């Protein structure tokens, strides 16, 4: 039974790594769930409370980054409230259109939102690009945090 649980933990961690790049999957919570499952099967001998708290805090930071990255990119270029709502809606709708939707959804949503606020097409495109760059930066940072979580778990298994 332990082998099956370790396999499930590994699948959760691998799926979470994929989810760190694809917003359709809750990547960081999946990684943490897999780490916690593996630690529990091990009886918390290697990855104890302090390791899990550290990894969990890092995961919390990653989730926060995920939620605010596109908004920060849009805010940085002076986006309107409509552009922020548009970026959120574009991200949500884009999830149903695979990878192209995930890449273009926030951009198109921010552009359309900014256009509804009465700004020019050029300005709206600028806001869309800022939103997309914020999303890209957030995804890269989330991926780094995901690798750090897995690395800390590996370290806990070595030294714990």
N, C-alpha and C. Protein backbone atom coordinates (compact mmCIF):
# COMPACT_ATOMS: atom_id res chain seq x y z
N UNK A 1 0.82 -1.20 0.00
CA UNK A 1 0.00 0.00 0.00
C UNK A 1 0.87 1.27 0.00
N UNK A 2 1.99 1.23 0.72
CA UNK A 2 2.87 2.40 0.75
C UNK A 2 3.37 2.77 -0.64
N UNK A 3 3.68 1.77 -1.45
CA UNK A 3 4.18 2.04 -2.80
C UNK A 3 3.13 2.79 -3.61
N UNK A 4 1.88 2.37 -3.50
CA UNK A 4 0.80 3.03 -4.23
C UNK A 4 0.65 4.48 -3.78
N UNK A 5 0.79 4.73 -2.49
CA UNK A 5 0.68 6.10 -1.98
C UNK A 5 1.87 6.95 -2.42
N UNK A 6 3.07 6.37 -2.45
CA UNK A 6 4.23 7.11 -2.95
C UNK A 6 4.07 7.44 -4.44
N UNK A 7 3.50 6.49 -5.20
CA UNK A 7 3.25 6.74 -6.63
C UNK A 7 2.24 7.87 -6.78
N UNK A 8 1.18 7.85 -5.97
CA UNK A 8 0.19 8.92 -6.01
C UNK A 8 0.83 10.26 -5.65
N UNK A 9 1.69 10.26 -4.63
CA UNK A 9 2.39 11.50 -4.24
C UNK A 9 3.25 12.02 -5.39
N UNK A 10 3.97 11.11 -6.05
CA UNK A 10 4.82 11.51 -7.17
C UNK A 10 3.98 12.06 -8.32
N UNK A 11 2.83 11.43 -8.58
CA UNK A 11 1.94 11.92 -9.65
C UNK A 11 1.38 13.30 -9.31
N UNK A 12 1.05 13.51 -8.05
CA UNK A 12 0.57 14.84 -7.64
C UNK A 12 1.66 15.89 -7.83
N UNK A 13 2.89 15.55 -7.47
CA UNK A 13 3.99 16.51 -7.61
C UNK A 13 4.25 16.79 -9.09
N UNK A 14 4.30 15.74 -9.91
CA UNK A 14 4.52 15.94 -11.35
C UNK A 14 3.38 16.73 -11.98
N UNK A 15 2.15 16.38 -11.64
CA UNK A 15 1.01 17.14 -12.15
C UNK A 15 1.04 18.58 -11.70
N UNK A 16 1.50 18.81 -10.47
CA UNK A 16 1.63 20.16 -9.96
C UNK A 16 2.68 20.97 -10.70
N UNK A 17 3.76 20.31 -11.10
CA UNK A 17 4.78 21.01 -11.88
C UNK A 17 4.20 21.46 -13.23
N UNK A 18 3.41 20.60 -13.84
CA UNK A 18 2.73 20.98 -15.09
C UNK A 18 1.76 22.13 -14.81
N UNK A 19 1.04 22.02 -13.69
CA UNK A 19 0.08 23.05 -13.31
C UNK A 19 0.73 24.38 -12.96
N UNK A 20 2.02 24.37 -12.68
CA UNK A 20 2.71 25.64 -12.42
C UNK A 20 2.82 26.48 -13.67
N UNK A 21 2.74 25.82 -14.82
CA UNK A 21 2.81 26.53 -16.10
C UNK A 21 1.42 26.71 -16.69
N UNK A 22 0.56 25.72 -16.56
CA UNK A 22 -0.80 25.79 -17.10
C UNK A 22 -1.77 26.21 -16.01
N UNK A 23 -2.44 27.33 -16.18
CA UNK A 23 -3.33 27.81 -15.13
C UNK A 23 -4.57 26.93 -14.92
N UNK A 24 -4.79 25.96 -15.78
CA UNK A 24 -5.97 25.11 -15.63
C UNK A 24 -5.83 24.14 -14.45
N UNK A 25 -4.61 23.90 -14.00
CA UNK A 25 -4.38 23.00 -12.87
C UNK A 25 -3.87 23.80 -11.67
N UNK A 26 -4.31 23.44 -10.47
CA UNK A 26 -3.80 24.13 -9.27
C UNK A 26 -2.42 23.60 -8.90
N UNK A 27 -1.40 24.05 -9.60
CA UNK A 27 -0.06 23.48 -9.52
C UNK A 27 0.54 23.43 -8.13
N UNK A 28 0.64 24.57 -7.48
CA UNK A 28 1.31 24.62 -6.19
C UNK A 28 0.55 23.83 -5.12
N UNK A 29 -0.77 23.93 -5.04
CA UNK A 29 -1.48 23.07 -4.07
C UNK A 29 -1.29 21.57 -4.37
N UNK A 30 -1.22 21.20 -5.64
CA UNK A 30 -0.98 19.79 -5.96
C UNK A 30 0.41 19.35 -5.50
N UNK A 31 1.40 20.20 -5.72
CA UNK A 31 2.76 19.88 -5.27
C UNK A 31 2.78 19.71 -3.75
N UNK A 32 2.18 20.64 -3.05
CA UNK A 32 2.18 20.56 -1.59
C UNK A 32 1.42 19.33 -1.12
N UNK A 33 0.32 19.02 -1.79
CA UNK A 33 -0.43 17.81 -1.43
C UNK A 33 0.40 16.55 -1.62
N UNK A 34 1.14 16.49 -2.71
CA UNK A 34 2.01 15.34 -2.96
C UNK A 34 3.12 15.24 -1.94
N UNK A 35 3.71 16.38 -1.59
CA UNK A 35 4.77 16.39 -0.59
C UNK A 35 4.23 15.95 0.76
N UNK A 36 3.07 16.47 1.12
CA UNK A 36 2.47 16.12 2.40
C UNK A 36 2.13 14.63 2.44
N UNK A 37 1.59 14.10 1.35
CA UNK A 37 1.25 12.68 1.29
C UNK A 37 2.51 11.82 1.46
N UNK A 38 3.58 12.18 0.75
CA UNK A 38 4.82 11.42 0.87
C UNK A 38 5.38 11.50 2.29
N UNK A 39 5.30 12.68 2.90
CA UNK A 39 5.78 12.83 4.28
C UNK A 39 4.94 12.00 5.24
N UNK A 40 3.63 11.97 5.02
CA UNK A 40 2.75 11.20 5.90
C UNK A 40 3.02 9.70 5.77
N UNK A 41 3.21 9.23 4.56
CA UNK A 41 3.51 7.81 4.35
C UNK A 41 4.82 7.45 5.04
N UNK A 42 5.76 8.38 5.05
CA UNK A 42 7.06 8.18 5.69
C UNK A 42 6.96 8.34 7.21
N UNK A 43 5.80 8.67 7.70
CA UNK A 43 5.63 8.87 9.14
C UNK A 43 6.24 10.16 9.64
N UNK A 44 6.43 11.13 8.74
CA UNK A 44 7.01 12.43 9.06
C UNK A 44 8.41 12.30 9.67
N UNK A 45 9.09 11.19 9.36
CA UNK A 45 10.44 10.99 9.90
C UNK A 45 11.45 11.93 9.24
N UNK A 46 11.30 12.17 7.96
CA UNK A 46 12.26 13.01 7.24
C UNK A 46 11.74 14.43 7.06
N UNK A 47 10.54 14.55 6.61
CA UNK A 47 9.92 15.87 6.41
C UNK A 47 8.92 16.09 7.53
N UNK A 48 9.41 16.70 8.61
CA UNK A 48 8.57 16.93 9.77
C UNK A 48 7.80 18.24 9.67
N UNK A 49 7.28 18.65 10.79
CA UNK A 49 6.42 19.83 10.86
C UNK A 49 7.14 21.07 10.32
N UNK A 50 8.39 21.30 10.74
CA UNK A 50 9.09 22.51 10.34
C UNK A 50 9.36 22.54 8.84
N UNK A 51 9.72 21.39 8.27
CA UNK A 51 9.93 21.33 6.82
C UNK A 51 8.62 21.62 6.10
N UNK A 52 7.54 21.02 6.57
CA UNK A 52 6.24 21.22 5.90
C UNK A 52 5.76 22.66 6.04
N UNK A 53 6.02 23.27 7.20
CA UNK A 53 5.65 24.69 7.37
C UNK A 53 6.44 25.58 6.42
N UNK A 54 7.73 25.30 6.28
CA UNK A 54 8.57 26.08 5.37
C UNK A 54 8.11 25.90 3.92
N UNK A 55 7.88 24.67 3.53
CA UNK A 55 7.41 24.40 2.16
C UNK A 55 6.02 24.99 1.95
N UNK A 56 5.17 24.90 2.97
CA UNK A 56 3.83 25.48 2.87
C UNK A 56 3.85 27.00 2.75
N UNK A 57 4.75 27.65 3.49
CA UNK A 57 4.88 29.10 3.40
C UNK A 57 5.34 29.51 2.00
N UNK A 58 6.27 28.76 1.47
CA UNK A 58 6.74 29.01 0.10
C UNK A 58 5.59 28.82 -0.89
N UNK A 59 4.80 27.76 -0.68
CA UNK A 59 3.65 27.52 -1.53
C UNK A 59 2.62 28.63 -1.45
N UNK A 60 2.41 29.15 -0.26
CA UNK A 60 1.47 30.26 -0.08
C UNK A 60 1.94 31.48 -0.87
N UNK A 61 3.23 31.75 -0.82
CA UNK A 61 3.79 32.85 -1.60
C UNK A 61 3.55 32.62 -3.09
N UNK A 62 3.72 31.39 -3.54
CA UNK A 62 3.49 31.07 -4.95
C UNK A 62 2.04 31.27 -5.37
N UNK A 63 1.11 30.92 -4.51
CA UNK A 63 -0.31 31.12 -4.83
C UNK A 63 -0.64 32.61 -4.89
N UNK A 64 -0.08 33.38 -3.98
CA UNK A 64 -0.29 34.83 -3.99
C UNK A 64 0.27 35.43 -5.28
N UNK A 65 1.46 35.02 -5.66
CA UNK A 65 2.07 35.48 -6.91
C UNK A 65 1.16 35.16 -8.08
N UNK A 66 0.59 33.97 -8.07
CA UNK A 66 -0.28 33.54 -9.15
C UNK A 66 -1.49 34.46 -9.29
N UNK A 67 -2.07 34.86 -8.18
CA UNK A 67 -3.27 35.69 -8.22
C UNK A 67 -3.00 37.14 -8.60
N UNK A 68 -1.86 37.67 -8.23
CA UNK A 68 -1.65 39.10 -8.43
C UNK A 68 -0.72 39.46 -9.60
N UNK A 69 -0.08 38.48 -10.22
CA UNK A 69 0.93 38.80 -11.23
C UNK A 69 0.37 39.56 -12.43
N UNK A 70 -0.72 39.09 -13.01
CA UNK A 70 -1.28 39.79 -14.17
C UNK A 70 -1.78 41.18 -13.78
N UNK A 71 -2.39 41.28 -12.61
CA UNK A 71 -2.88 42.58 -12.15
C UNK A 71 -1.75 43.56 -11.92
N UNK A 72 -0.64 43.07 -11.37
CA UNK A 72 0.50 43.95 -11.15
C UNK A 72 1.10 44.43 -12.47
N UNK A 73 1.15 43.53 -13.46
CA UNK A 73 1.64 43.93 -14.77
C UNK A 73 0.75 44.99 -15.39
N UNK A 74 -0.56 44.81 -15.23
CA UNK A 74 -1.50 45.79 -15.77
C UNK A 74 -1.42 47.11 -15.00
N UNK A 75 -1.33 47.02 -13.69
CA UNK A 75 -1.22 48.24 -12.88
C UNK A 75 0.05 49.02 -13.20
N UNK A 76 1.11 48.29 -13.48
CA UNK A 76 2.40 48.93 -13.76
C UNK A 76 2.32 49.85 -14.98
N UNK A 77 1.48 49.49 -15.94
CA UNK A 77 1.33 50.33 -17.13
C UNK A 77 0.11 51.24 -17.03
N UNK A 78 -0.49 51.32 -15.86
CA UNK A 78 -1.60 52.24 -15.65
C UNK A 78 -2.93 51.79 -16.21
N UNK A 79 -3.22 50.50 -16.10
CA UNK A 79 -4.47 49.97 -16.64
C UNK A 79 -5.67 50.46 -15.84
N UNK A 80 -6.78 50.54 -16.53
CA UNK A 80 -8.03 50.91 -15.88
C UNK A 80 -8.62 49.70 -15.15
N UNK A 81 -9.62 49.96 -14.33
CA UNK A 81 -10.31 48.88 -13.63
C UNK A 81 -10.95 47.92 -14.63
N UNK A 82 -11.49 48.48 -15.73
CA UNK A 82 -12.10 47.63 -16.76
C UNK A 82 -11.07 46.68 -17.38
N UNK A 83 -9.84 47.16 -17.55
CA UNK A 83 -8.79 46.31 -18.11
C UNK A 83 -8.46 45.17 -17.15
N UNK A 84 -8.45 45.45 -15.86
CA UNK A 84 -8.17 44.40 -14.88
C UNK A 84 -9.27 43.35 -14.89
N UNK A 85 -10.51 43.80 -14.93
CA UNK A 85 -11.63 42.85 -15.02
C UNK A 85 -11.57 42.08 -16.34
N UNK A 86 -11.22 42.77 -17.40
CA UNK A 86 -11.10 42.12 -18.70
C UNK A 86 -10.01 41.06 -18.71
N UNK A 87 -8.89 41.36 -18.08
CA UNK A 87 -7.79 40.38 -18.01
C UNK A 87 -8.23 39.15 -17.23
N UNK A 88 -8.94 39.36 -16.14
CA UNK A 88 -9.45 38.23 -15.35
C UNK A 88 -10.44 37.40 -16.14
N UNK A 89 -11.36 38.07 -16.82
CA UNK A 89 -12.34 37.34 -17.64
C UNK A 89 -11.65 36.63 -18.80
N UNK A 90 -10.67 37.29 -19.40
CA UNK A 90 -9.93 36.68 -20.51
C UNK A 90 -9.17 35.44 -20.06
N UNK A 91 -8.62 35.49 -18.87
CA UNK A 91 -7.92 34.32 -18.33
C UNK A 91 -8.90 33.18 -18.10
N UNK A 92 -10.04 33.49 -17.52
CA UNK A 92 -11.05 32.47 -17.24
C UNK A 92 -11.59 31.85 -18.54
N UNK A 93 -11.95 32.67 -19.49
CA UNK A 93 -12.48 32.17 -20.77
C UNK A 93 -11.39 31.45 -21.55
N UNK A 94 -10.17 31.97 -21.50
CA UNK A 94 -9.07 31.37 -22.23
C UNK A 94 -8.76 29.95 -21.80
N UNK A 95 -9.07 29.60 -20.55
CA UNK A 95 -8.81 28.24 -20.07
C UNK A 95 -9.56 27.20 -20.88
N UNK A 96 -10.66 27.58 -21.49
CA UNK A 96 -11.47 26.63 -22.26
C UNK A 96 -10.97 26.45 -23.69
N UNK A 97 -9.94 27.19 -24.07
CA UNK A 97 -9.43 27.14 -25.43
C UNK A 97 -7.99 26.64 -25.51
N UNK A 98 -7.59 25.87 -24.52
CA UNK A 98 -6.27 25.26 -24.54
C UNK A 98 -5.16 26.28 -24.38
N UNK A 99 -3.99 25.88 -24.84
CA UNK A 99 -2.80 26.73 -24.69
C UNK A 99 -2.93 28.09 -25.38
N UNK A 100 -3.47 28.14 -26.62
CA UNK A 100 -3.63 29.48 -27.23
C UNK A 100 -4.54 30.40 -26.40
N UNK A 101 -5.59 29.83 -25.84
CA UNK A 101 -6.48 30.63 -25.00
C UNK A 101 -5.82 31.10 -23.73
N UNK A 102 -4.98 30.22 -23.16
CA UNK A 102 -4.27 30.59 -21.93
C UNK A 102 -3.26 31.70 -22.18
N UNK A 103 -2.67 31.68 -23.36
CA UNK A 103 -1.68 32.71 -23.69
C UNK A 103 -2.32 34.02 -24.14
N UNK A 104 -3.37 33.92 -24.92
CA UNK A 104 -3.98 35.12 -25.49
C UNK A 104 -5.13 35.69 -24.66
N UNK A 105 -5.78 34.86 -23.86
CA UNK A 105 -6.95 35.30 -23.10
C UNK A 105 -6.73 36.54 -22.25
N UNK A 106 -5.71 36.54 -21.39
CA UNK A 106 -5.49 37.74 -20.56
C UNK A 106 -5.17 38.99 -21.38
N UNK A 107 -4.41 38.81 -22.45
CA UNK A 107 -4.06 39.94 -23.32
C UNK A 107 -5.31 40.51 -23.98
N UNK A 108 -6.09 39.64 -24.62
CA UNK A 108 -7.31 40.10 -25.31
C UNK A 108 -8.29 40.71 -24.32
N UNK A 109 -8.45 40.07 -23.16
CA UNK A 109 -9.36 40.60 -22.15
C UNK A 109 -8.94 41.98 -21.66
N UNK A 110 -7.65 42.16 -21.42
CA UNK A 110 -7.17 43.47 -20.96
C UNK A 110 -7.35 44.53 -22.04
N UNK A 111 -7.07 44.16 -23.29
CA UNK A 111 -7.24 45.12 -24.39
C UNK A 111 -8.71 45.52 -24.52
N UNK A 112 -9.59 44.54 -24.52
CA UNK A 112 -11.03 44.85 -24.65
C UNK A 112 -11.53 45.66 -23.46
N UNK A 113 -11.06 45.30 -22.25
CA UNK A 113 -11.45 46.06 -21.07
C UNK A 113 -10.97 47.51 -21.13
N UNK A 114 -9.75 47.69 -21.58
CA UNK A 114 -9.20 49.05 -21.69
C UNK A 114 -9.92 49.84 -22.77
N UNK A 115 -10.29 49.16 -23.86
CA UNK A 115 -11.04 49.84 -24.93
C UNK A 115 -12.40 50.32 -24.43
N UNK A 116 -13.04 49.55 -23.55
CA UNK A 116 -14.35 49.96 -23.03
C UNK A 116 -14.24 51.19 -22.13
N UNK A 117 -13.03 51.45 -21.61
CA UNK A 117 -12.87 52.63 -20.77
C UNK A 117 -12.64 53.89 -21.61
N UNK A 118 -12.61 53.72 -22.94
CA UNK A 118 -12.53 54.87 -23.83
C UNK A 118 -11.13 55.27 -24.25
N UNK A 119 -10.15 54.44 -24.04
CA UNK A 119 -8.80 54.79 -24.45
C UNK A 119 -8.54 54.31 -25.88
N UNK A 120 -7.43 54.74 -26.43
CA UNK A 120 -7.10 54.43 -27.82
C UNK A 120 -6.68 52.97 -27.97
N UNK A 121 -6.68 52.52 -29.20
CA UNK A 121 -6.26 51.15 -29.50
C UNK A 121 -4.79 50.96 -29.12
N UNK A 122 -3.96 51.95 -29.40
CA UNK A 122 -2.54 51.86 -29.06
C UNK A 122 -2.35 51.74 -27.55
N UNK A 123 -3.03 52.58 -26.80
CA UNK A 123 -2.94 52.54 -25.33
C UNK A 123 -3.48 51.22 -24.80
N UNK A 124 -4.56 50.75 -25.36
CA UNK A 124 -5.16 49.48 -24.93
C UNK A 124 -4.21 48.32 -25.20
N UNK A 125 -3.53 48.36 -26.34
CA UNK A 125 -2.56 47.31 -26.67
C UNK A 125 -1.40 47.35 -25.69
N UNK A 126 -0.97 48.55 -25.34
CA UNK A 126 0.10 48.71 -24.35
C UNK A 126 -0.30 48.07 -23.02
N UNK A 127 -1.52 48.30 -22.60
CA UNK A 127 -2.03 47.71 -21.36
C UNK A 127 -2.09 46.18 -21.49
N UNK A 128 -2.54 45.70 -22.63
CA UNK A 128 -2.60 44.25 -22.86
C UNK A 128 -1.24 43.60 -22.78
N UNK A 129 -0.24 44.26 -23.35
CA UNK A 129 1.13 43.72 -23.31
C UNK A 129 1.66 43.74 -21.87
N UNK A 130 1.38 44.80 -21.14
CA UNK A 130 1.80 44.86 -19.74
C UNK A 130 1.16 43.76 -18.91
N UNK A 131 -0.11 43.50 -19.16
CA UNK A 131 -0.81 42.43 -18.46
C UNK A 131 -0.20 41.08 -18.79
N UNK A 132 0.07 40.85 -20.07
CA UNK A 132 0.64 39.58 -20.51
C UNK A 132 2.04 39.38 -19.93
N UNK A 133 2.84 40.44 -19.90
CA UNK A 133 4.18 40.34 -19.32
C UNK A 133 4.12 40.06 -17.82
N UNK A 134 3.16 40.65 -17.14
CA UNK A 134 2.96 40.36 -15.72
C UNK A 134 2.60 38.90 -15.50
N UNK A 135 1.73 38.40 -16.35
CA UNK A 135 1.34 36.99 -16.27
C UNK A 135 2.53 36.08 -16.55
N UNK A 136 3.32 36.41 -17.55
CA UNK A 136 4.51 35.62 -17.88
C UNK A 136 5.51 35.63 -16.73
N UNK A 137 5.78 36.80 -16.18
CA UNK A 137 6.70 36.90 -15.05
C UNK A 137 6.17 36.11 -13.86
N UNK A 138 4.88 36.21 -13.59
CA UNK A 138 4.28 35.46 -12.49
C UNK A 138 4.39 33.96 -12.69
N UNK A 139 4.20 33.51 -13.92
CA UNK A 139 4.31 32.07 -14.21
C UNK A 139 5.74 31.60 -14.00
N UNK A 140 6.70 32.37 -14.45
CA UNK A 140 8.10 32.00 -14.25
C UNK A 140 8.45 31.96 -12.77
N UNK A 141 7.99 32.94 -12.02
CA UNK A 141 8.25 32.97 -10.59
C UNK A 141 7.57 31.80 -9.88
N UNK A 142 6.37 31.48 -10.31
CA UNK A 142 5.64 30.34 -9.74
C UNK A 142 6.37 29.03 -10.03
N UNK A 143 6.94 28.91 -11.22
CA UNK A 143 7.70 27.71 -11.58
C UNK A 143 8.96 27.61 -10.71
N UNK A 144 9.63 28.71 -10.49
CA UNK A 144 10.81 28.71 -9.63
C UNK A 144 10.43 28.30 -8.20
N UNK A 145 9.33 28.82 -7.71
CA UNK A 145 8.87 28.48 -6.36
C UNK A 145 8.51 26.99 -6.30
N UNK A 146 7.92 26.46 -7.36
CA UNK A 146 7.57 25.04 -7.40
C UNK A 146 8.83 24.18 -7.31
N UNK A 147 9.86 24.54 -8.07
CA UNK A 147 11.12 23.80 -8.00
C UNK A 147 11.76 23.92 -6.61
N UNK A 148 11.63 25.09 -6.00
CA UNK A 148 12.18 25.28 -4.65
C UNK A 148 11.45 24.38 -3.64
N UNK A 149 10.14 24.27 -3.78
CA UNK A 149 9.37 23.41 -2.89
C UNK A 149 9.83 21.96 -3.01
N UNK A 150 9.95 21.48 -4.24
CA UNK A 150 10.38 20.10 -4.47
C UNK A 150 11.82 19.92 -3.99
N UNK A 151 12.66 20.91 -4.24
CA UNK A 151 14.05 20.84 -3.78
C UNK A 151 14.16 20.78 -2.27
N UNK A 152 13.37 21.60 -1.58
CA UNK A 152 13.38 21.56 -0.11
C UNK A 152 12.89 20.22 0.40
N UNK A 153 11.89 19.65 -0.26
CA UNK A 153 11.41 18.34 0.15
C UNK A 153 12.51 17.29 -0.05
N UNK A 154 13.19 17.36 -1.19
CA UNK A 154 14.29 16.44 -1.42
C UNK A 154 15.39 16.60 -0.38
N UNK A 155 15.70 17.84 -0.03
CA UNK A 155 16.70 18.10 1.00
C UNK A 155 16.25 17.53 2.34
N UNK A 156 14.97 17.68 2.66
CA UNK A 156 14.48 17.14 3.94
C UNK A 156 14.59 15.63 3.97
N UNK A 157 14.43 14.98 2.84
CA UNK A 157 14.55 13.51 2.79
C UNK A 157 16.01 13.09 2.96
N UNK A 158 16.94 13.95 2.54
CA UNK A 158 18.37 13.62 2.68
C UNK A 158 18.89 13.86 4.08
N UNK A 159 18.51 14.98 4.67
CA UNK A 159 19.08 15.35 5.97
C UNK A 159 18.18 14.98 7.15
N UNK A 160 16.91 14.73 6.88
CA UNK A 160 15.95 14.46 7.96
C UNK A 160 16.11 13.12 8.46
